[in-house]
Amino acid sequence: MGYETKSTLDTERSTAPGTATTTKSCSMTQVVLRFVLFAATLTSIVVMVTSKQTKNIFLPGTPIRIPAAEFTNSPALIYFVVALSVACFYSIVSTFVTVSAFKKHSCSAVLLLNLAIMDAVMVGIVASATGAGGGVAYLGLKGNKEVRWGKICHIYDKFCRHVGGAIAVSLFASVVLLLLSIISVLSLYKKIR
């Protein structure tokens, strides 16, 4: 008799009106966050790639052209662009997968597990790229007197603003990925519970 009561309670709980709404809102939240992730990573990539700035200094009688500052001058900023490109591509693929799975109402535990794992991997990739880019940006802004690395942001102000903006947007993308990772794990928990 205890088994029948438990089975009846499980059936009532799974067919409760609030359960379908919770699953649907969770899926809509994932789709919206994945689209926001796409927009954030694409914006950050475009801002970083267009950050090139050249400078001319005019001394009496001769103009001197200082070499251009661009993201390709730093391996950390190249890694930043590549990592965010991977995250941008992932956001496109995962958005389509999420939309198609929830349209068919066939969101399996395997799919949720794969999304949870890949979301966690992407959090690590984007956060590490943001940290690497932030370290280079900080050196450009403040320099390092101990090793005699001069600051460059007083010369390449536009470049530094672009780099700072790209890093701020990628930090936002990291937070979005963290939220997606939490939502994926919670969705998986609800599915297998």
C-alpha atoms as a PDB file:
ATOM      1  CA  MET A   1       0.000   0.000   0.000  1.00  0.00           C
ATOM      2  CA  GLY A   2       2.885   2.373   0.747  1.00  0.00           C
ATOM      3  CA  TYR A   3       4.251   1.801  -2.755  1.00  0.00           C
ATOM      4  CA  GLU A   4       0.901   2.660  -4.368  1.00  0.00           C
ATOM      5  CA  THR A   5       0.620   5.864  -2.337  1.00  0.00           C
ATOM      6  CA  LYS A   6       4.128   6.916  -3.319  1.00  0.00           C
ATOM      7  CA  SER A   7       3.453   6.105  -6.966  1.00  0.00           C
ATOM      8  CA  THR A   8       0.239   8.123  -6.893  1.00  0.00           C
ATOM      9  CA  LEU A   9       1.999  11.075  -5.268  1.00  0.00           C
ATOM     10  CA  ASP A  10       4.772  10.945  -7.895  1.00  0.00           C
ATOM     11  CA  THR A  11       2.182  10.880 -10.677  1.00  0.00           C
ATOM     12  CA  GLU A  12       0.296  13.812  -9.188  1.00  0.00           C
ATOM     13  CA  ARG A  13       3.516  15.766  -8.689  1.00  0.00           C
ATOM     14  CA  SER A  14       4.695  15.175 -12.275  1.00  0.00           C
ATOM     15  CA  THR A  15       1.325  16.170 -13.761  1.00  0.00           C
ATOM     16  CA  ALA A  16       0.807  19.220 -11.575  1.00  0.00           C
ATOM     17  CA  PRO A  17       0.098  22.395 -13.560  1.00  0.00           C
ATOM     18  CA  GLY A  18       3.093  24.243 -12.081  1.00  0.00           C
ATOM     19  CA  THR A  19       5.578  21.592 -13.239  1.00  0.00           C
ATOM     20  CA  ALA A  20       5.049  22.175 -16.952  1.00  0.00           C
ATOM     21  CA  THR A  21       5.249  25.935 -16.454  1.00  0.00           C
ATOM     22  CA  THR A  22       8.477  25.601 -14.490  1.00  0.00           C
ATOM     23  CA  THR A  23      10.052  23.446 -17.209  1.00  0.00           C
ATOM     24  CA  LYS A  24       8.861  25.794 -19.955  1.00  0.00           C
ATOM     25  CA  SER A  25      10.075  28.919 -18.154  1.00  0.00           C
ATOM     26  CA  CYS A  26      13.380  27.235 -17.455  1.00  0.00           C
ATOM     27  CA  SER A  27      13.768  26.426 -21.146  1.00  0.00           C
ATOM     28  CA  MET A  28      12.822  29.955 -22.186  1.00  0.00           C
ATOM     29  CA  THR A  29      15.322  31.291 -19.676  1.00  0.00           C
ATOM     30  CA  GLN A  30      18.022  29.087 -21.183  1.00  0.00           C
ATOM     31  CA  VAL A  31      17.198  30.190 -24.717  1.00  0.00           C
ATOM     32  CA  VAL A  32      17.223  33.872 -23.746  1.00  0.00           C
ATOM     33  CA  LEU A  33      20.481  33.533 -21.803  1.00  0.00           C
ATOM     34  CA  ARG A  34      22.125  31.647 -24.674  1.00  0.00           C
ATOM     35  CA  PHE A  35      21.101  34.411 -27.076  1.00  0.00           C
ATOM     36  CA  VAL A  36      22.468  37.028 -24.633  1.00  0.00           C
ATOM     37  CA  LEU A  37      25.686  34.996 -24.446  1.00  0.00           C
ATOM     38  CA  PHE A  38      25.936  35.054 -28.248  1.00  0.00           C
ATOM     39  CA  ALA A  39      25.420  38.826 -28.336  1.00  0.00           C
ATOM     40  CA  ALA A  40      27.952  39.443 -25.545  1.00  0.00           C
ATOM     41  CA  THR A  41      30.691  37.252 -26.996  1.00  0.00           C
ATOM     42  CA  LEU A  42      30.209  38.608 -30.514  1.00  0.00           C
ATOM     43  CA  THR A  43      30.293  42.197 -29.227  1.00  0.00           C
ATOM     44  CA  SER A  44      33.451  41.516 -27.252  1.00  0.00           C
ATOM     45  CA  ILE A  45      35.163  39.925 -30.261  1.00  0.00           C
ATOM     46  CA  VAL A  46      34.234  42.798 -32.591  1.00  0.00           C
ATOM     47  CA  VAL A  47      35.380  45.437 -30.105  1.00  0.00           C
ATOM     48  CA  MET A  48      38.710  43.673 -29.523  1.00  0.00           C
ATOM     49  CA  VAL A  49      39.407  43.033 -33.213  1.00  0.00           C
ATOM     50  CA  THR A  50      38.699  46.672 -34.114  1.00  0.00           C
ATOM     51  CA  SER A  51      40.963  48.021 -31.376  1.00  0.00           C
ATOM     52  CA  LYS A  52      43.898  48.919 -33.637  1.00  0.00           C
ATOM     53  CA  GLN A  53      45.368  52.395 -33.098  1.00  0.00           C
ATOM     54  CA  THR A  54      48.380  54.102 -34.641  1.00  0.00           C
ATOM     55  CA  LYS A  55      49.962  57.229 -33.277  1.00  0.00           C
ATOM     56  CA  ASN A  56      52.043  59.981 -34.851  1.00  0.00           C
ATOM     57  CA  ILE A  57      54.343  62.174 -32.781  1.00  0.00           C
ATOM     58  CA  PHE A  58      55.451  65.430 -34.287  1.00  0.00           C
ATOM     59  CA  LEU A  59      58.901  66.538 -33.246  1.00  0.00           C
ATOM     60  CA  PRO A  60      60.282  69.785 -34.615  1.00  0.00           C
ATOM     61  CA  GLY A  61      60.834  69.114 -38.284  1.00  0.00           C
ATOM     62  CA  THR A  62      60.032  65.377 -38.401  1.00  0.00           C
ATOM     63  CA  PRO A  63      56.923  63.352 -37.752  1.00  0.00           C
ATOM     64  CA  ILE A  64      57.571  60.019 -36.052  1.00  0.00           C
ATOM     65  CA  ARG A  65      55.109  57.168 -36.516  1.00  0.00           C
ATOM     66  CA  ILE A  66      54.836  54.935 -33.442  1.00  0.00           C
ATOM     67  CA  PRO A  67      54.056  51.268 -34.210  1.00  0.00           C
ATOM     68  CA  ALA A  68      50.370  50.358 -34.112  1.00  0.00           C
ATOM     69  CA  ALA A  69      48.838  48.921 -30.978  1.00  0.00           C
ATOM     70  CA  GLU A  70      46.551  46.011 -31.801  1.00  0.00           C
ATOM     71  CA  PHE A  71      45.375  42.836 -30.148  1.00  0.00           C
ATOM     72  CA  THR A  72      47.723  40.675 -32.260  1.00  0.00           C
ATOM     73  CA  ASN A  73      50.708  42.184 -30.383  1.00  0.00           C
ATOM     74  CA  SER A  74      49.833  40.171 -27.268  1.00  0.00           C
ATOM     75  CA  PRO A  75      49.421  36.380 -27.069  1.00  0.00           C
ATOM     76  CA  ALA A  76      47.001  36.872 -24.160  1.00  0.00           C
ATOM     77  CA  LEU A  77      44.727  39.065 -26.280  1.00  0.00           C
ATOM     78  CA  ILE A  78      44.928  36.590 -29.174  1.00  0.00           C
ATOM     79  CA  TYR A  79      43.878  33.854 -26.733  1.00  0.00           C
ATOM     80  CA  PHE A  80      41.077  36.156 -25.587  1.00  0.00           C
ATOM     81  CA  VAL A  81      39.711  36.504 -29.146  1.00  0.00           C
ATOM     82  CA  VAL A  82      40.044  32.775 -29.904  1.00  0.00           C
ATOM     83  CA  ALA A  83      38.404  31.721 -26.619  1.00  0.00           C
ATOM     84  CA  LEU A  84      35.500  34.101 -27.098  1.00  0.00           C
ATOM     85  CA  SER A  85      35.118  32.916 -30.692  1.00  0.00           C
ATOM     86  CA  VAL A  86      34.782  29.345 -29.404  1.00  0.00           C
ATOM     87  CA  ALA A  87      32.212  30.500 -26.830  1.00  0.00           C
ATOM     88  CA  CYS A  88      30.316  32.436 -29.510  1.00  0.00           C
ATOM     89  CA  PHE A  89      30.154  29.366 -31.752  1.00  0.00           C
ATOM     90  CA  TYR A  90      29.094  27.243 -28.777  1.00  0.00           C
ATOM     91  CA  SER A  91      26.312  29.691 -27.947  1.00  0.00           C
ATOM     92  CA  ILE A  92      24.915  29.395 -31.491  1.00  0.00           C
ATOM     93  CA  VAL A  93      24.989  25.583 -31.460  1.00  0.00           C
ATOM     94  CA  SER A  94      23.611  25.261 -27.928  1.00  0.00           C
ATOM     95  CA  THR A  95      20.805  27.734 -28.655  1.00  0.00           C
ATOM     96  CA  PHE A  96      19.657  25.696 -31.661  1.00  0.00           C
ATOM     97  CA  VAL A  97      19.931  22.439 -29.707  1.00  0.00           C
ATOM     98  CA  THR A  98      17.986  23.877 -26.770  1.00  0.00           C
ATOM     99  CA  VAL A  99      15.254  25.338 -28.979  1.00  0.00           C
ATOM    100  CA  SER A 100      14.813  22.124 -30.978  1.00  0.00           C
ATOM    101  CA  ALA A 101      14.800  19.928 -27.864  1.00  0.00           C
ATOM    102  CA  PHE A 102      12.227  22.006 -26.041  1.00  0.00           C
ATOM    103  CA  LYS A 103      10.024  22.377 -29.149  1.00  0.00           C
ATOM    104  CA  LYS A 104       9.839  18.597 -29.432  1.00  0.00           C
ATOM    105  CA  HIS A 105       9.357  18.232 -25.648  1.00  0.00           C
ATOM    106  CA  SER A 106      12.110  15.609 -25.770  1.00  0.00           C
ATOM    107  CA  CYS A 107      14.677  17.112 -23.457  1.00  0.00           C
ATOM    108  CA  SER A 108      16.485  13.979 -22.326  1.00  0.00           C
ATOM    109  CA  ALA A 109      18.742  13.631 -19.323  1.00  0.00           C
ATOM    110  CA  VAL A 110      21.672  12.932 -21.675  1.00  0.00           C
ATOM    111  CA  LEU A 111      21.126  16.252 -23.466  1.00  0.00           C
ATOM    112  CA  LEU A 112      20.875  18.115 -20.161  1.00  0.00           C
ATOM    113  CA  LEU A 113      24.040  16.410 -18.911  1.00  0.00           C
ATOM    114  CA  ASN A 114      25.932  17.379 -22.074  1.00  0.00           C
ATOM    115  CA  LEU A 115      24.729  20.976 -21.791  1.00  0.00           C
ATOM    116  CA  ALA A 116      25.717  21.119 -18.123  1.00  0.00           C
ATOM    117  CA  ILE A 117      29.212  19.782 -18.862  1.00  0.00           C
ATOM    118  CA  MET A 118      29.795  22.057 -21.861  1.00  0.00           C
ATOM    119  CA  ASP A 119      28.447  25.101 -20.003  1.00  0.00           C
ATOM    120  CA  ALA A 120      30.924  24.418 -17.192  1.00  0.00           C
ATOM    121  CA  VAL A 121      33.776  24.015 -19.693  1.00  0.00           C
ATOM    122  CA  MET A 122      32.818  27.291 -21.396  1.00  0.00           C
ATOM    123  CA  VAL A 123      32.741  29.095 -18.033  1.00  0.00           C
ATOM    124  CA  GLY A 124      36.348  28.040 -17.506  1.00  0.00           C
ATOM    125  CA  ILE A 125      37.452  29.030 -21.001  1.00  0.00           C
ATOM    126  CA  VAL A 126      35.784  32.463 -21.006  1.00  0.00           C
ATOM    127  CA  ALA A 127      36.805  33.246 -17.420  1.00  0.00           C
ATOM    128  CA  SER A 128      40.448  32.333 -18.109  1.00  0.00           C
ATOM    129  CA  ALA A 129      40.469  34.424 -21.291  1.00  0.00           C
ATOM    130  CA  THR A 130      38.938  37.347 -19.424  1.00  0.00           C
ATOM    131  CA  GLY A 131      41.592  37.046 -16.724  1.00  0.00           C
ATOM    132  CA  ALA A 132      44.424  36.870 -19.257  1.00  0.00           C
ATOM    133  CA  GLY A 133      43.104  39.877 -21.157  1.00  0.00           C
ATOM    134  CA  GLY A 134      42.502  41.757 -17.922  1.00  0.00           C
ATOM    135  CA  GLY A 135      46.097  41.165 -16.845  1.00  0.00           C
ATOM    136  CA  VAL A 136      47.443  42.613 -20.093  1.00  0.00           C
ATOM    137  CA  ALA A 137      45.019  45.543 -19.883  1.00  0.00           C
ATOM    138  CA  TYR A 138      46.123  46.286 -16.322  1.00  0.00           C
ATOM    139  CA  LEU A 139      49.782  46.309 -17.395  1.00  0.00           C
ATOM    140  CA  GLY A 140      48.904  48.674 -20.230  1.00  0.00           C
ATOM    141  CA  LEU A 141      47.068  50.960 -17.836  1.00  0.00           C
ATOM    142  CA  LYS A 142      49.445  50.940 -14.844  1.00  0.00           C
ATOM    143  CA  GLY A 143      52.696  49.439 -16.124  1.00  0.00           C
ATOM    144  CA  ASN A 144      55.092  47.620 -13.817  1.00  0.00           C
ATOM    145  CA  LYS A 145      57.928  49.641 -12.314  1.00  0.00           C
ATOM    146  CA  GLU A 146      59.784  46.610 -10.916  1.00  0.00           C
ATOM    147  CA  VAL A 147      60.440  45.129 -14.349  1.00  0.00           C
ATOM    148  CA  ARG A 148      60.414  48.504 -16.134  1.00  0.00           C
ATOM    149  CA  TRP A 149      57.343  47.854 -18.266  1.00  0.00           C
ATOM    150  CA  GLY A 150      55.923  51.232 -19.121  1.00  0.00           C
ATOM    151  CA  LYS A 151      52.257  51.987 -19.288  1.00  0.00           C
ATOM    152  CA  ILE A 152      50.884  52.608 -22.766  1.00  0.00           C
ATOM    153  CA  CYS A 153      47.324  53.773 -22.180  1.00  0.00           C
ATOM    154  CA  HIS A 154      48.341  57.420 -22.057  1.00  0.00           C
ATOM    155  CA  ILE A 155      49.620  57.015 -25.639  1.00  0.00           C
ATOM    156  CA  TYR A 156      47.098  54.512 -27.044  1.00  0.00           C
ATOM    157  CA  ASP A 157      43.965  55.747 -25.308  1.00  0.00           C
ATOM    158  CA  LYS A 158      41.480  54.492 -27.936  1.00  0.00           C
ATOM    159  CA  PHE A 159      43.105  51.063 -27.980  1.00  0.00           C
ATOM    160  CA  CYS A 160      42.937  50.794 -24.201  1.00  0.00           C
ATOM    161  CA  ARG A 161      39.279  51.847 -24.133  1.00  0.00           C
ATOM    162  CA  HIS A 162      38.456  49.147 -26.676  1.00  0.00           C
ATOM    163  CA  VAL A 163      40.364  46.497 -24.724  1.00  0.00           C
ATOM    164  CA  GLY A 164      38.717  47.553 -21.465  1.00  0.00           C
ATOM    165  CA  GLY A 165      35.270  47.478 -23.052  1.00  0.00           C
ATOM    166  CA  ALA A 166      35.853  44.044 -24.574  1.00  0.00           C
ATOM    167  CA  ILE A 167      37.016  42.684 -21.233  1.00  0.00           C
ATOM    168  CA  ALA A 168      34.010  44.156 -19.406  1.00  0.00           C
ATOM    169  CA  VAL A 169      31.611  42.544 -21.891  1.00  0.00           C
ATOM    170  CA  SER A 170      33.439  39.216 -21.635  1.00  0.00           C
ATOM    171  CA  LEU A 171      33.156  39.386 -17.853  1.00  0.00           C
ATOM    172  CA  PHE A 172      29.405  39.776 -18.342  1.00  0.00           C
ATOM    173  CA  ALA A 173      29.506  36.751 -20.695  1.00  0.00           C
ATOM    174  CA  SER A 174      31.271  34.765 -17.944  1.00  0.00           C
ATOM    175  CA  VAL A 175      28.449  35.573 -15.524  1.00  0.00           C
ATOM    176  CA  VAL A 176      25.855  34.556 -18.135  1.00  0.00           C
ATOM    177  CA  LEU A 177      27.696  31.268 -18.671  1.00  0.00           C
ATOM    178  CA  LEU A 178      27.792  30.679 -14.925  1.00  0.00           C
ATOM    179  CA  LEU A 179      24.023  31.219 -14.738  1.00  0.00           C
ATOM    180  CA  LEU A 180      23.530  28.856 -17.674  1.00  0.00           C
ATOM    181  CA  SER A 181      25.681  26.258 -15.971  1.00  0.00           C
ATOM    182  CA  ILE A 182      23.612  26.508 -12.783  1.00  0.00           C
ATOM    183  CA  ILE A 183      20.332  26.316 -14.736  1.00  0.00           C
ATOM    184  CA  SER A 184      21.580  23.292 -16.706  1.00  0.00           C
ATOM    185  CA  VAL A 185      22.519  21.461 -13.521  1.00  0.00           C
ATOM    186  CA  LEU A 186      19.179  22.314 -11.883  1.00  0.00           C
ATOM    187  CA  SER A 187      17.281  21.159 -14.986  1.00  0.00           C
ATOM    188  CA  LEU A 188      19.223  17.900 -14.964  1.00  0.00           C
ATOM    189  CA  TYR A 189      18.509  17.451 -11.263  1.00  0.00           C
ATOM    190  CA  LYS A 190      14.774  17.971 -11.828  1.00  0.00           C
ATOM    191  CA  LYS A 191      14.845  15.509 -14.733  1.00  0.00           C
ATOM    192  CA  ILE A 192      16.543  12.668 -12.872  1.00  0.00           C
ATOM    193  CA  ARG A 193      14.922  13.275  -9.484  1.00  0.00           C
END
